[in-house]
């Protein structure tokens, strides 16, 4: 897996004043690691967006601060605006190539399930990320999971069924469901569910409850 490169500069502006940085197209960031003092950074927004779109939090990023030697890092805490999805702040964690790290890698379902194609089953994905541990150089960009073995209703792929490289340790619960095919829902079942939803929505919401005698006001 290729290492991505990203340039950054040291940042003097902190606190609420960082909003002026964002207005100028710069995103505040921090780089830290074991035995290292945290350094405040600012990164050009377009460059950051391009790198994080590919790297996520599971691919190594060679972070070059000013004229210093690039540091191998992982993006750890990525904060984005809830509505616009603009980057607000990013933490980068420096890694040692001889020390294991943990990462969340995306799970991608591949292939076609015979149960879906031939019997109209519904394919459901459980986990969308897999937690792993390995040396930084052994990180994988994703975990592809074939659903071609899902032949009958209720056939399931669990974490314990996944084939990962010998250099990677899976930390996710082995019993967690990754993918499952379920029988198609009958029209009668859909109607019953809709009726149950209507009954639930018709119940009045309890805003306040009567206080017990002698209970003090807050």
N, C-alpha and C. Protein backbone atom coordinates (compact mmCIF):
# COMPACT_ATOMS: atom_id res chain seq x y z
N UNK A 1 0.84 -1.19 0.00
CA UNK A 1 0.00 0.00 0.00
C UNK A 1 0.88 1.24 0.00
N UNK A 2 0.71 2.12 -0.99
CA UNK A 2 1.54 3.30 -1.14
C UNK A 2 1.29 4.29 -0.01
N UNK A 3 2.34 5.02 0.34
CA UNK A 3 2.24 6.04 1.38
C UNK A 3 1.90 7.38 0.75
N UNK A 4 0.92 8.06 1.29
CA UNK A 4 0.52 9.37 0.79
C UNK A 4 1.34 10.45 1.48
N UNK A 5 1.56 11.55 0.79
CA UNK A 5 2.34 12.66 1.33
C UNK A 5 1.45 13.88 1.54
N UNK A 6 1.73 14.61 2.62
CA UNK A 6 0.96 15.80 2.94
C UNK A 6 1.88 16.84 3.58
N UNK A 7 1.78 18.06 3.11
CA UNK A 7 2.61 19.14 3.65
C UNK A 7 1.81 19.96 4.67
N UNK A 8 2.52 20.43 5.69
CA UNK A 8 1.90 21.24 6.74
C UNK A 8 2.89 22.29 7.22
N UNK A 9 2.39 23.30 7.88
CA UNK A 9 3.23 24.33 8.50
C UNK A 9 2.87 24.46 9.96
N UNK A 10 3.82 24.89 10.76
CA UNK A 10 3.54 25.12 12.18
C UNK A 10 2.55 26.26 12.32
N UNK A 11 1.72 26.15 13.35
CA UNK A 11 0.64 27.12 13.55
C UNK A 11 0.84 27.87 14.86
N UNK A 12 0.72 29.19 14.78
CA UNK A 12 0.82 30.03 15.97
C UNK A 12 -0.57 30.36 16.51
N UNK A 13 -1.56 30.39 15.64
CA UNK A 13 -2.93 30.76 16.04
C UNK A 13 -3.61 29.57 16.70
N UNK A 14 -4.22 29.80 17.86
CA UNK A 14 -4.95 28.75 18.56
C UNK A 14 -6.28 29.30 19.07
N UNK A 15 -7.06 28.43 19.71
CA UNK A 15 -8.32 28.87 20.30
C UNK A 15 -9.34 29.27 19.25
N UNK A 16 -10.19 30.22 19.59
CA UNK A 16 -11.27 30.63 18.70
C UNK A 16 -10.77 31.34 17.45
N UNK A 17 -9.56 31.82 17.50
CA UNK A 17 -9.03 32.55 16.36
C UNK A 17 -8.78 31.68 15.14
N UNK A 18 -8.85 30.35 15.33
CA UNK A 18 -8.59 29.46 14.19
C UNK A 18 -9.65 29.62 13.11
N UNK A 19 -10.78 30.24 13.42
CA UNK A 19 -11.82 30.42 12.40
C UNK A 19 -11.30 31.29 11.27
N UNK A 20 -10.33 32.18 11.58
CA UNK A 20 -9.73 33.02 10.53
C UNK A 20 -8.88 32.17 9.59
N UNK A 21 -8.28 31.11 10.13
CA UNK A 21 -7.51 30.20 9.29
C UNK A 21 -8.42 29.52 8.29
N UNK A 22 -9.55 29.02 8.79
CA UNK A 22 -10.48 28.31 7.91
C UNK A 22 -11.00 29.23 6.81
N UNK A 23 -11.20 30.48 7.15
CA UNK A 23 -11.66 31.45 6.14
C UNK A 23 -10.62 31.63 5.05
N UNK A 24 -9.35 31.40 5.41
CA UNK A 24 -8.25 31.54 4.45
C UNK A 24 -7.93 30.22 3.75
N UNK A 25 -8.75 29.21 3.96
CA UNK A 25 -8.53 27.93 3.30
C UNK A 25 -7.51 27.05 3.98
N UNK A 26 -7.27 27.29 5.27
CA UNK A 26 -6.31 26.50 6.04
C UNK A 26 -7.04 25.78 7.17
N UNK A 27 -6.69 24.53 7.41
CA UNK A 27 -7.35 23.74 8.44
C UNK A 27 -6.38 23.52 9.61
N UNK A 28 -6.79 23.83 10.84
CA UNK A 28 -5.93 23.58 12.01
C UNK A 28 -5.77 22.09 12.26
N UNK A 29 -4.60 21.71 12.69
CA UNK A 29 -4.32 20.30 12.96
C UNK A 29 -3.29 20.20 14.08
N UNK A 30 -3.10 18.99 14.58
CA UNK A 30 -2.11 18.71 15.62
C UNK A 30 -1.43 17.39 15.28
N UNK A 31 -0.12 17.32 15.49
CA UNK A 31 0.58 16.06 15.35
C UNK A 31 1.18 15.72 16.71
N UNK A 32 1.04 14.45 17.11
CA UNK A 32 1.53 14.03 18.41
C UNK A 32 1.96 12.57 18.34
N UNK A 33 2.58 12.09 19.40
CA UNK A 33 3.01 10.70 19.44
C UNK A 33 3.69 10.39 20.75
N UNK A 34 4.04 9.14 20.95
CA UNK A 34 4.68 8.73 22.19
C UNK A 34 6.03 9.43 22.35
N UNK A 35 6.17 10.12 23.49
CA UNK A 35 7.42 10.79 23.77
C UNK A 35 7.63 12.07 22.99
N UNK A 36 6.61 12.51 22.24
CA UNK A 36 6.72 13.73 21.44
C UNK A 36 5.75 14.78 21.94
N UNK A 37 6.20 16.01 21.95
CA UNK A 37 5.34 17.12 22.34
C UNK A 37 4.40 17.45 21.18
N UNK A 38 3.15 17.66 21.49
CA UNK A 38 2.16 17.97 20.44
C UNK A 38 2.54 19.27 19.74
N UNK A 39 2.43 19.27 18.41
CA UNK A 39 2.77 20.44 17.61
C UNK A 39 1.53 20.90 16.86
N UNK A 40 1.21 22.19 16.98
CA UNK A 40 0.06 22.77 16.28
C UNK A 40 0.42 23.03 14.82
N UNK A 41 -0.46 22.62 13.93
CA UNK A 41 -0.20 22.75 12.50
C UNK A 41 -1.35 23.44 11.78
N UNK A 42 -1.06 23.87 10.56
CA UNK A 42 -2.10 24.34 9.65
C UNK A 42 -1.81 23.72 8.28
N UNK A 43 -2.88 23.26 7.62
CA UNK A 43 -2.74 22.52 6.38
C UNK A 43 -3.70 23.08 5.35
N UNK A 44 -3.23 23.19 4.11
CA UNK A 44 -4.06 23.69 3.03
C UNK A 44 -5.25 22.75 2.84
N UNK A 45 -6.45 23.33 2.85
CA UNK A 45 -7.68 22.53 2.88
C UNK A 45 -7.80 21.57 1.69
N UNK A 46 -7.50 22.03 0.49
CA UNK A 46 -7.65 21.18 -0.69
C UNK A 46 -6.72 19.98 -0.63
N UNK A 47 -5.48 20.21 -0.19
CA UNK A 47 -4.51 19.12 -0.09
C UNK A 47 -4.95 18.12 0.98
N UNK A 48 -5.46 18.63 2.09
CA UNK A 48 -5.92 17.77 3.18
C UNK A 48 -7.09 16.91 2.72
N UNK A 49 -8.03 17.52 2.04
CA UNK A 49 -9.21 16.80 1.57
C UNK A 49 -8.81 15.69 0.60
N UNK A 50 -7.89 15.97 -0.29
CA UNK A 50 -7.45 14.98 -1.28
C UNK A 50 -6.81 13.77 -0.61
N UNK A 51 -5.94 14.02 0.38
CA UNK A 51 -5.22 12.94 1.04
C UNK A 51 -6.16 12.13 1.93
N UNK A 52 -6.99 12.79 2.73
CA UNK A 52 -7.87 12.07 3.66
C UNK A 52 -8.96 11.29 2.93
N UNK A 53 -9.35 11.76 1.76
CA UNK A 53 -10.35 11.04 0.97
C UNK A 53 -9.84 9.64 0.61
N UNK A 54 -8.53 9.54 0.41
CA UNK A 54 -7.94 8.25 0.06
C UNK A 54 -7.43 7.49 1.28
N UNK A 55 -6.85 8.22 2.23
CA UNK A 55 -6.20 7.57 3.37
C UNK A 55 -7.16 7.19 4.48
N UNK A 56 -8.19 7.99 4.70
CA UNK A 56 -9.06 7.74 5.84
C UNK A 56 -8.24 7.74 7.12
N UNK A 57 -8.57 6.82 8.02
CA UNK A 57 -7.81 6.70 9.27
C UNK A 57 -7.03 5.39 9.31
N UNK A 58 -6.80 4.78 8.15
CA UNK A 58 -6.18 3.46 8.11
C UNK A 58 -4.99 3.37 7.16
N UNK A 59 -4.62 4.47 6.52
CA UNK A 59 -3.48 4.43 5.61
C UNK A 59 -2.42 5.43 6.07
N UNK A 60 -1.16 5.04 5.95
CA UNK A 60 -0.06 5.89 6.39
C UNK A 60 0.02 7.17 5.56
N UNK A 61 0.30 8.26 6.27
CA UNK A 61 0.49 9.57 5.64
C UNK A 61 1.86 10.11 6.05
N UNK A 62 2.68 10.42 5.06
CA UNK A 62 3.99 11.02 5.32
C UNK A 62 3.77 12.52 5.48
N UNK A 63 3.76 12.97 6.74
CA UNK A 63 3.46 14.37 7.05
C UNK A 63 4.76 15.16 7.13
N UNK A 64 4.91 16.13 6.22
CA UNK A 64 6.12 16.96 6.18
C UNK A 64 5.78 18.33 6.74
N UNK A 65 6.36 18.66 7.89
CA UNK A 65 6.11 19.94 8.55
C UNK A 65 7.24 20.90 8.21
N UNK A 66 6.92 21.93 7.43
CA UNK A 66 7.95 22.88 7.01
C UNK A 66 9.04 22.20 6.22
N UNK A 67 10.29 22.42 6.63
CA UNK A 67 11.44 21.83 5.96
C UNK A 67 11.96 20.59 6.68
N UNK A 68 11.22 20.13 7.68
CA UNK A 68 11.69 18.98 8.46
C UNK A 68 11.47 17.68 7.69
N UNK A 69 12.06 16.60 8.18
CA UNK A 69 11.93 15.29 7.57
C UNK A 69 10.50 14.78 7.75
N UNK A 70 9.90 14.17 6.73
CA UNK A 70 8.53 13.67 6.85
C UNK A 70 8.38 12.67 7.99
N UNK A 71 7.24 12.73 8.69
CA UNK A 71 6.93 11.80 9.76
C UNK A 71 5.81 10.87 9.29
N UNK A 72 5.96 9.59 9.60
CA UNK A 72 4.91 8.63 9.24
C UNK A 72 3.79 8.75 10.27
N UNK A 73 2.60 9.03 9.80
CA UNK A 73 1.47 9.28 10.70
C UNK A 73 0.20 8.57 10.23
N UNK A 74 -0.76 8.53 11.15
CA UNK A 74 -2.13 8.12 10.83
C UNK A 74 -3.07 9.24 11.29
N UNK A 75 -4.08 9.54 10.49
CA UNK A 75 -5.10 10.50 10.91
C UNK A 75 -5.97 9.80 11.96
N UNK A 76 -6.09 10.41 13.13
CA UNK A 76 -6.80 9.75 14.22
C UNK A 76 -8.15 10.39 14.55
N UNK A 77 -8.19 11.68 14.72
CA UNK A 77 -9.43 12.36 15.09
C UNK A 77 -9.74 13.40 14.02
N UNK A 78 -10.68 13.09 13.15
CA UNK A 78 -11.05 13.97 12.05
C UNK A 78 -12.39 14.61 12.36
N UNK A 79 -12.39 15.92 12.58
CA UNK A 79 -13.62 16.64 12.91
C UNK A 79 -14.13 17.37 11.67
N UNK A 80 -15.45 17.18 11.39
CA UNK A 80 -16.05 17.82 10.22
C UNK A 80 -17.33 18.52 10.60
N UNK A 81 -17.67 19.56 9.85
CA UNK A 81 -18.92 20.28 10.06
C UNK A 81 -20.09 19.35 9.77
N UNK A 82 -21.08 19.34 10.66
CA UNK A 82 -22.21 18.42 10.54
C UNK A 82 -23.00 18.65 9.27
N UNK A 83 -23.19 19.89 8.88
CA UNK A 83 -24.03 20.21 7.72
C UNK A 83 -23.22 20.27 6.42
N UNK A 84 -22.14 21.01 6.42
CA UNK A 84 -21.38 21.22 5.18
C UNK A 84 -20.31 20.15 4.96
N UNK A 85 -19.98 19.40 6.03
CA UNK A 85 -18.96 18.35 5.96
C UNK A 85 -17.55 18.91 5.70
N UNK A 86 -17.36 20.20 5.92
CA UNK A 86 -16.03 20.78 5.80
C UNK A 86 -15.16 20.31 6.95
N UNK A 87 -13.86 20.18 6.70
CA UNK A 87 -12.94 19.79 7.77
C UNK A 87 -12.78 20.95 8.76
N UNK A 88 -12.82 20.60 10.04
CA UNK A 88 -12.65 21.60 11.10
C UNK A 88 -11.31 21.44 11.82
N UNK A 89 -10.87 20.19 12.03
CA UNK A 89 -9.64 19.93 12.76
C UNK A 89 -9.25 18.47 12.57
N UNK A 90 -7.95 18.21 12.52
CA UNK A 90 -7.46 16.84 12.35
C UNK A 90 -6.29 16.59 13.29
N UNK A 91 -6.30 15.44 13.96
CA UNK A 91 -5.16 14.99 14.77
C UNK A 91 -4.39 13.94 14.00
N UNK A 92 -3.08 14.07 13.97
CA UNK A 92 -2.22 13.08 13.34
C UNK A 92 -1.36 12.42 14.41
N UNK A 93 -1.30 11.10 14.36
CA UNK A 93 -0.53 10.33 15.34
C UNK A 93 0.70 9.75 14.65
N UNK A 94 1.87 10.10 15.16
CA UNK A 94 3.11 9.58 14.58
C UNK A 94 3.29 8.12 15.01
N UNK A 95 3.70 7.30 14.05
CA UNK A 95 3.86 5.87 14.33
C UNK A 95 5.33 5.47 14.22
N UNK A 96 5.66 4.41 14.95
CA UNK A 96 6.98 3.79 14.84
C UNK A 96 6.79 2.54 13.99
N UNK A 97 7.60 2.40 12.96
CA UNK A 97 7.39 1.32 12.01
C UNK A 97 7.61 -0.06 12.63
N UNK A 98 8.24 -0.12 13.80
CA UNK A 98 8.46 -1.42 14.46
C UNK A 98 7.50 -1.64 15.62
N UNK A 99 6.49 -0.78 15.75
CA UNK A 99 5.50 -0.92 16.82
C UNK A 99 4.10 -1.03 16.22
N UNK A 100 3.32 -1.97 16.73
CA UNK A 100 1.99 -2.22 16.18
C UNK A 100 1.02 -1.05 16.46
N UNK A 101 0.09 -0.89 15.55
CA UNK A 101 -0.94 0.14 15.69
C UNK A 101 -2.30 -0.51 15.46
N UNK A 102 -3.34 0.15 15.92
CA UNK A 102 -4.70 -0.30 15.65
C UNK A 102 -5.34 0.62 14.61
N UNK A 103 -6.26 0.08 13.84
CA UNK A 103 -6.93 0.88 12.81
C UNK A 103 -8.29 0.28 12.52
N UNK A 104 -9.18 1.12 12.02
CA UNK A 104 -10.50 0.69 11.56
C UNK A 104 -10.49 0.72 10.04
N UNK A 105 -10.61 -0.44 9.39
CA UNK A 105 -10.59 -0.48 7.92
C UNK A 105 -11.99 -0.81 7.40
N UNK A 106 -12.38 -0.21 6.28
CA UNK A 106 -13.73 -0.44 5.75
C UNK A 106 -13.91 -1.87 5.25
N UNK A 107 -15.12 -2.39 5.44
CA UNK A 107 -15.49 -3.71 4.92
C UNK A 107 -16.29 -3.49 3.63
N UNK A 108 -15.87 -4.15 2.57
CA UNK A 108 -16.52 -4.02 1.27
C UNK A 108 -17.06 -5.37 0.84
N UNK A 109 -18.37 -5.45 0.63
CA UNK A 109 -18.99 -6.69 0.17
C UNK A 109 -18.82 -6.80 -1.34
N UNK A 110 -18.35 -7.96 -1.80
CA UNK A 110 -18.12 -8.17 -3.23
C UNK A 110 -18.83 -9.44 -3.70
N UNK A 111 -19.10 -9.50 -5.00
CA UNK A 111 -19.74 -10.67 -5.57
C UNK A 111 -21.26 -10.61 -5.47
N UNK A 112 -21.90 -11.70 -5.90
CA UNK A 112 -23.35 -11.80 -5.88
C UNK A 112 -23.78 -13.01 -5.06
N UNK A 113 -24.77 -12.83 -4.22
CA UNK A 113 -25.30 -13.93 -3.42
C UNK A 113 -26.34 -14.71 -4.22
N UNK A 114 -26.17 -16.03 -4.35
CA UNK A 114 -27.19 -16.84 -5.04
C UNK A 114 -28.56 -16.72 -4.40
N UNK A 115 -28.61 -16.58 -3.09
CA UNK A 115 -29.89 -16.45 -2.40
C UNK A 115 -30.62 -15.18 -2.83
N UNK A 116 -29.87 -14.13 -3.09
CA UNK A 116 -30.47 -12.88 -3.53
C UNK A 116 -30.92 -13.00 -4.98
N UNK A 117 -30.06 -13.55 -5.81
CA UNK A 117 -30.37 -13.64 -7.23
C UNK A 117 -31.48 -14.63 -7.54
N UNK A 118 -31.48 -15.77 -6.87
CA UNK A 118 -32.39 -16.84 -7.24
C UNK A 118 -33.65 -16.92 -6.37
N UNK A 119 -33.59 -16.42 -5.12
CA UNK A 119 -34.74 -16.55 -4.22
C UNK A 119 -35.26 -15.23 -3.70
N UNK A 120 -34.68 -14.13 -4.20
CA UNK A 120 -35.16 -12.82 -3.79
C UNK A 120 -34.85 -12.46 -2.36
N UNK A 121 -33.81 -13.08 -1.79
CA UNK A 121 -33.42 -12.78 -0.40
C UNK A 121 -32.93 -11.35 -0.28
N UNK A 122 -32.93 -10.85 0.94
CA UNK A 122 -32.46 -9.49 1.21
C UNK A 122 -31.08 -9.58 1.85
N UNK A 123 -30.11 -8.92 1.24
CA UNK A 123 -28.75 -8.91 1.76
C UNK A 123 -28.59 -7.76 2.75
N UNK A 124 -28.15 -8.11 3.95
CA UNK A 124 -27.95 -7.11 5.01
C UNK A 124 -26.48 -7.09 5.42
N UNK A 125 -25.92 -5.90 5.53
CA UNK A 125 -24.55 -5.77 6.02
C UNK A 125 -24.58 -5.33 7.47
N UNK A 126 -23.82 -6.04 8.30
CA UNK A 126 -23.73 -5.69 9.72
C UNK A 126 -22.62 -4.69 9.94
N UNK A 127 -21.41 -5.19 10.19
CA UNK A 127 -20.26 -4.30 10.38
C UNK A 127 -19.88 -3.65 9.06
N UNK A 128 -19.54 -2.37 9.13
CA UNK A 128 -19.00 -1.72 7.94
C UNK A 128 -17.52 -1.38 8.10
N UNK A 129 -16.98 -1.65 9.31
CA UNK A 129 -15.56 -1.46 9.55
C UNK A 129 -15.03 -2.61 10.40
N UNK A 130 -13.77 -2.94 10.18
CA UNK A 130 -13.12 -4.02 10.92
C UNK A 130 -11.95 -3.43 11.70
N UNK A 131 -11.92 -3.72 13.01
CA UNK A 131 -10.81 -3.22 13.82
C UNK A 131 -9.66 -4.23 13.77
N UNK A 132 -8.47 -3.73 13.42
CA UNK A 132 -7.32 -4.60 13.28
C UNK A 132 -6.12 -4.05 14.03
N UNK A 133 -5.11 -4.90 14.20
CA UNK A 133 -3.85 -4.50 14.80
C UNK A 133 -2.72 -5.11 13.99
N UNK A 134 -1.71 -4.31 13.68
CA UNK A 134 -0.57 -4.80 12.91
C UNK A 134 0.53 -3.74 12.91
N UNK A 135 1.66 -4.08 12.33
CA UNK A 135 2.71 -3.10 12.13
C UNK A 135 2.26 -2.10 11.07
N UNK A 136 2.70 -0.85 11.15
CA UNK A 136 2.25 0.16 10.19
C UNK A 136 2.45 -0.24 8.73
N UNK A 137 3.56 -0.92 8.46
CA UNK A 137 3.82 -1.33 7.09
C UNK A 137 2.91 -2.43 6.58
N UNK A 138 2.17 -3.08 7.48
CA UNK A 138 1.27 -4.17 7.10
C UNK A 138 -0.20 -3.76 7.05
N UNK A 139 -0.46 -2.47 7.22
CA UNK A 139 -1.84 -2.00 7.18
C UNK A 139 -2.49 -2.30 5.84
N UNK A 140 -3.76 -2.68 5.88
CA UNK A 140 -4.53 -2.93 4.66
C UNK A 140 -5.52 -1.79 4.47
N UNK A 141 -5.83 -1.48 3.20
CA UNK A 141 -6.70 -0.34 2.91
C UNK A 141 -8.17 -0.69 3.07
N UNK A 142 -8.52 -1.98 2.96
CA UNK A 142 -9.91 -2.40 3.11
C UNK A 142 -9.96 -3.91 3.30
N UNK A 143 -11.12 -4.40 3.68
CA UNK A 143 -11.35 -5.84 3.83
C UNK A 143 -12.49 -6.24 2.90
N UNK A 144 -12.15 -6.92 1.80
CA UNK A 144 -13.16 -7.36 0.87
C UNK A 144 -13.76 -8.69 1.34
N UNK A 145 -15.08 -8.77 1.34
CA UNK A 145 -15.78 -9.95 1.82
C UNK A 145 -16.71 -10.45 0.73
N UNK A 146 -16.50 -11.67 0.27
CA UNK A 146 -17.36 -12.24 -0.77
C UNK A 146 -18.66 -12.74 -0.16
N UNK A 147 -19.76 -12.46 -0.87
CA UNK A 147 -21.08 -12.93 -0.42
C UNK A 147 -21.57 -14.07 -1.33
N UNK A 148 -20.69 -14.59 -2.17
CA UNK A 148 -21.08 -15.65 -3.09
C UNK A 148 -21.41 -16.96 -2.38
N UNK A 149 -20.97 -17.10 -1.13
CA UNK A 149 -21.28 -18.31 -0.37
C UNK A 149 -22.61 -18.25 0.36
N UNK A 150 -23.32 -17.14 0.23
CA UNK A 150 -24.62 -17.00 0.89
C UNK A 150 -25.69 -17.56 -0.05
N UNK A 151 -26.01 -18.85 0.15
CA UNK A 151 -26.86 -19.59 -0.78
C UNK A 151 -28.28 -19.75 -0.27
N UNK A 152 -28.43 -19.99 1.02
CA UNK A 152 -29.74 -20.24 1.62
C UNK A 152 -30.14 -19.06 2.51
N UNK A 153 -31.46 -18.98 2.80
CA UNK A 153 -31.95 -17.95 3.71
C UNK A 153 -31.22 -18.06 5.06
N UNK A 154 -30.87 -16.93 5.60
CA UNK A 154 -30.21 -16.82 6.91
C UNK A 154 -28.74 -17.25 6.90
N UNK A 155 -28.19 -17.53 5.73
CA UNK A 155 -26.74 -17.76 5.67
C UNK A 155 -26.04 -16.47 6.10
N UNK A 156 -24.95 -16.63 6.85
CA UNK A 156 -24.29 -15.48 7.46
C UNK A 156 -22.78 -15.56 7.31
N UNK A 157 -22.16 -14.40 7.16
CA UNK A 157 -20.71 -14.28 7.24
C UNK A 157 -20.39 -13.51 8.52
N UNK A 158 -19.61 -14.13 9.40
CA UNK A 158 -19.21 -13.49 10.65
C UNK A 158 -17.75 -13.06 10.58
N UNK A 159 -17.32 -12.27 11.54
CA UNK A 159 -15.94 -11.82 11.59
C UNK A 159 -14.99 -13.02 11.61
N UNK A 160 -15.37 -14.08 12.31
CA UNK A 160 -14.52 -15.26 12.42
C UNK A 160 -14.32 -15.97 11.08
N UNK A 161 -15.18 -15.67 10.08
CA UNK A 161 -15.06 -16.29 8.77
C UNK A 161 -14.11 -15.54 7.85
N UNK A 162 -13.68 -14.37 8.24
CA UNK A 162 -12.87 -13.54 7.35
C UNK A 162 -11.44 -14.07 7.23
N UNK A 163 -10.92 -13.99 6.03
CA UNK A 163 -9.54 -14.41 5.77
C UNK A 163 -8.67 -13.16 5.71
N UNK A 164 -7.88 -12.95 6.75
CA UNK A 164 -6.99 -11.78 6.81
C UNK A 164 -5.55 -12.25 6.69
N UNK A 165 -4.64 -11.36 6.28
CA UNK A 165 -3.23 -11.73 6.19
C UNK A 165 -2.68 -12.17 7.55
N UNK A 166 -1.68 -13.03 7.53
CA UNK A 166 -1.08 -13.53 8.77
C UNK A 166 -0.47 -12.40 9.60
N UNK A 167 -0.14 -11.29 8.95
CA UNK A 167 0.50 -10.17 9.64
C UNK A 167 -0.51 -9.28 10.36
N UNK A 168 -1.80 -9.58 10.19
CA UNK A 168 -2.86 -8.74 10.74
C UNK A 168 -3.64 -9.51 11.80
N UNK A 169 -3.88 -8.86 12.94
CA UNK A 169 -4.70 -9.44 14.01
C UNK A 169 -6.04 -8.72 14.05
N UNK A 170 -7.12 -9.48 14.03
CA UNK A 170 -8.46 -8.90 14.08
C UNK A 170 -8.87 -8.69 15.53
N UNK A 171 -9.30 -7.47 15.86
CA UNK A 171 -9.72 -7.14 17.22
C UNK A 171 -11.25 -7.11 17.37
N UNK A 172 -11.96 -7.03 16.26
CA UNK A 172 -13.42 -7.02 16.32
C UNK A 172 -13.94 -8.35 16.87
N UNK A 173 -15.12 -8.32 17.48
CA UNK A 173 -15.75 -9.52 18.05
C UNK A 173 -15.90 -10.59 16.97
N UNK A 174 -15.36 -11.79 17.17
CA UNK A 174 -15.45 -12.85 16.16
C UNK A 174 -16.88 -13.22 15.80
N UNK A 175 -17.82 -13.02 16.74
CA UNK A 175 -19.21 -13.41 16.49
C UNK A 175 -20.02 -12.32 15.79
N UNK A 176 -19.43 -11.16 15.59
CA UNK A 176 -20.17 -10.07 14.96
C UNK A 176 -20.54 -10.42 13.52
N UNK A 177 -21.76 -10.04 13.15
CA UNK A 177 -22.25 -10.33 11.80
C UNK A 177 -21.71 -9.31 10.80
N UNK A 178 -21.17 -9.82 9.70
CA UNK A 178 -20.68 -8.96 8.63
C UNK A 178 -21.72 -8.86 7.52
N UNK A 179 -22.27 -10.00 7.11
CA UNK A 179 -23.29 -10.01 6.06
C UNK A 179 -24.24 -11.17 6.30
N UNK A 180 -25.49 -10.97 5.88
CA UNK A 180 -26.51 -12.02 6.08
C UNK A 180 -27.58 -11.87 5.02
N UNK A 181 -28.13 -13.02 4.57
CA UNK A 181 -29.27 -12.97 3.64
C UNK A 181 -30.51 -13.45 4.38
N UNK A 182 -31.58 -12.67 4.27
CA UNK A 182 -32.81 -12.96 4.98
C UNK A 182 -33.95 -13.14 4.00
N UNK A 183 -34.98 -13.90 4.39
CA UNK A 183 -36.13 -14.11 3.50
C UNK A 183 -36.79 -12.78 3.16
N UNK A 184 -37.34 -12.68 1.95
CA UNK A 184 -38.05 -11.44 1.58
C UNK A 184 -39.27 -11.24 2.46
N UNK A 185 -39.56 -10.01 2.77
CA UNK A 185 -40.69 -9.72 3.66
C UNK A 185 -42.00 -9.83 2.91
N UNK A 186 -42.97 -10.54 3.50
CA UNK A 186 -44.28 -10.70 2.89
C UNK A 186 -45.11 -9.43 3.07
N UNK A 187 -46.04 -9.16 2.14
CA UNK A 187 -46.88 -7.96 2.26
C UNK A 187 -47.63 -7.89 3.59
N UNK A 188 -48.10 -9.07 4.10
CA UNK A 188 -48.83 -9.07 5.36
C UNK A 188 -47.94 -8.60 6.50
N UNK A 189 -46.65 -9.03 6.48
CA UNK A 189 -45.72 -8.63 7.53
C UNK A 189 -45.45 -7.14 7.48
N UNK A 190 -45.36 -6.59 6.25
CA UNK A 190 -45.14 -5.16 6.11
C UNK A 190 -46.30 -4.37 6.69
N UNK A 191 -47.56 -4.86 6.42
CA UNK A 191 -48.74 -4.17 6.94
C UNK A 191 -48.76 -4.21 8.46
N UNK A 192 -48.41 -5.36 9.04
CA UNK A 192 -48.41 -5.48 10.50
C UNK A 192 -47.39 -4.52 11.11
N UNK A 193 -46.21 -4.40 10.48
CA UNK A 193 -45.19 -3.49 11.00
C UNK A 193 -45.68 -2.05 10.92
N UNK A 194 -46.35 -1.70 9.80
CA UNK A 194 -46.86 -0.34 9.66
C UNK A 194 -47.90 -0.03 10.73
N UNK A 195 -48.77 -1.03 11.03
CA UNK A 195 -49.79 -0.84 12.05
C UNK A 195 -49.15 -0.65 13.43
N UNK A 196 -48.11 -1.43 13.71
CA UNK A 196 -47.42 -1.30 14.99
C UNK A 196 -46.77 0.08 15.11
N UNK A 197 -46.19 0.57 14.01
CA UNK A 197 -45.57 1.89 14.03
C UNK A 197 -46.61 2.96 14.29
N UNK A 198 -47.81 2.82 13.68
CA UNK A 198 -48.87 3.80 13.90
C UNK A 198 -49.33 3.80 15.35
N UNK A 199 -49.44 2.61 15.95
CA UNK A 199 -49.85 2.52 17.35
C UNK A 199 -48.83 3.18 18.26
N UNK A 200 -47.55 2.95 17.98
CA UNK A 200 -46.49 3.55 18.80
C UNK A 200 -46.50 5.05 18.67
N UNK A 201 -46.66 5.54 17.43
CA UNK A 201 -46.64 6.99 17.22
C UNK A 201 -47.86 7.66 17.82
N UNK A 202 -48.95 6.89 18.02
CA UNK A 202 -50.17 7.47 18.58
C UNK A 202 -50.11 7.64 20.09
N UNK A 203 -49.15 6.96 20.73
CA UNK A 203 -49.03 7.08 22.18
C UNK A 203 -48.52 8.46 22.55
N UNK A 204 -49.14 9.11 23.54
CA UNK A 204 -48.73 10.46 23.92
C UNK A 204 -47.33 10.47 24.54
N UNK A 205 -46.58 11.50 24.23
CA UNK A 205 -45.25 11.65 24.80
C UNK A 205 -45.35 12.21 26.21
N UNK A 206 -44.62 11.62 27.15
CA UNK A 206 -44.63 12.08 28.54
C UNK A 206 -43.58 13.17 28.68
N UNK A 207 -44.06 14.40 28.83
CA UNK A 207 -43.14 15.52 28.95
C UNK A 207 -42.65 15.66 30.39
N UNK A 208 -43.59 15.65 31.34
CA UNK A 208 -43.23 15.72 32.76
C UNK A 208 -44.04 14.69 33.51
N UNK A 209 -43.55 14.26 34.63
CA UNK A 209 -44.26 13.31 35.46
C UNK A 209 -44.55 13.98 36.81
N UNK A 210 -45.68 13.57 37.43
CA UNK A 210 -46.05 14.16 38.71
C UNK A 210 -44.99 13.83 39.74
N UNK A 211 -44.61 14.83 40.53
CA UNK A 211 -43.62 14.62 41.56
C UNK A 211 -44.25 13.91 42.75
N UNK A 212 -43.45 13.03 43.36
CA UNK A 212 -43.92 12.36 44.54
C UNK A 212 -44.02 13.36 45.68
N UNK A 213 -44.94 13.09 46.59
CA UNK A 213 -45.18 14.01 47.72
C UNK A 213 -43.89 14.14 48.52
N UNK A 214 -43.52 15.37 48.77
CA UNK A 214 -42.33 15.64 49.56
C UNK A 214 -41.07 15.78 48.72
N UNK A 215 -41.17 15.57 47.39
CA UNK A 215 -39.97 15.67 46.54
C UNK A 215 -39.67 17.14 46.33
N UNK A 216 -38.42 17.51 46.49
CA UNK A 216 -38.05 18.93 46.40
C UNK A 216 -37.89 19.34 44.96
N UNK A 217 -38.18 20.60 44.65
CA UNK A 217 -37.96 21.16 43.32
C UNK A 217 -36.46 21.37 43.13
N UNK A 218 -35.98 21.15 41.88
CA UNK A 218 -34.55 21.38 41.60
C UNK A 218 -34.29 22.86 41.40
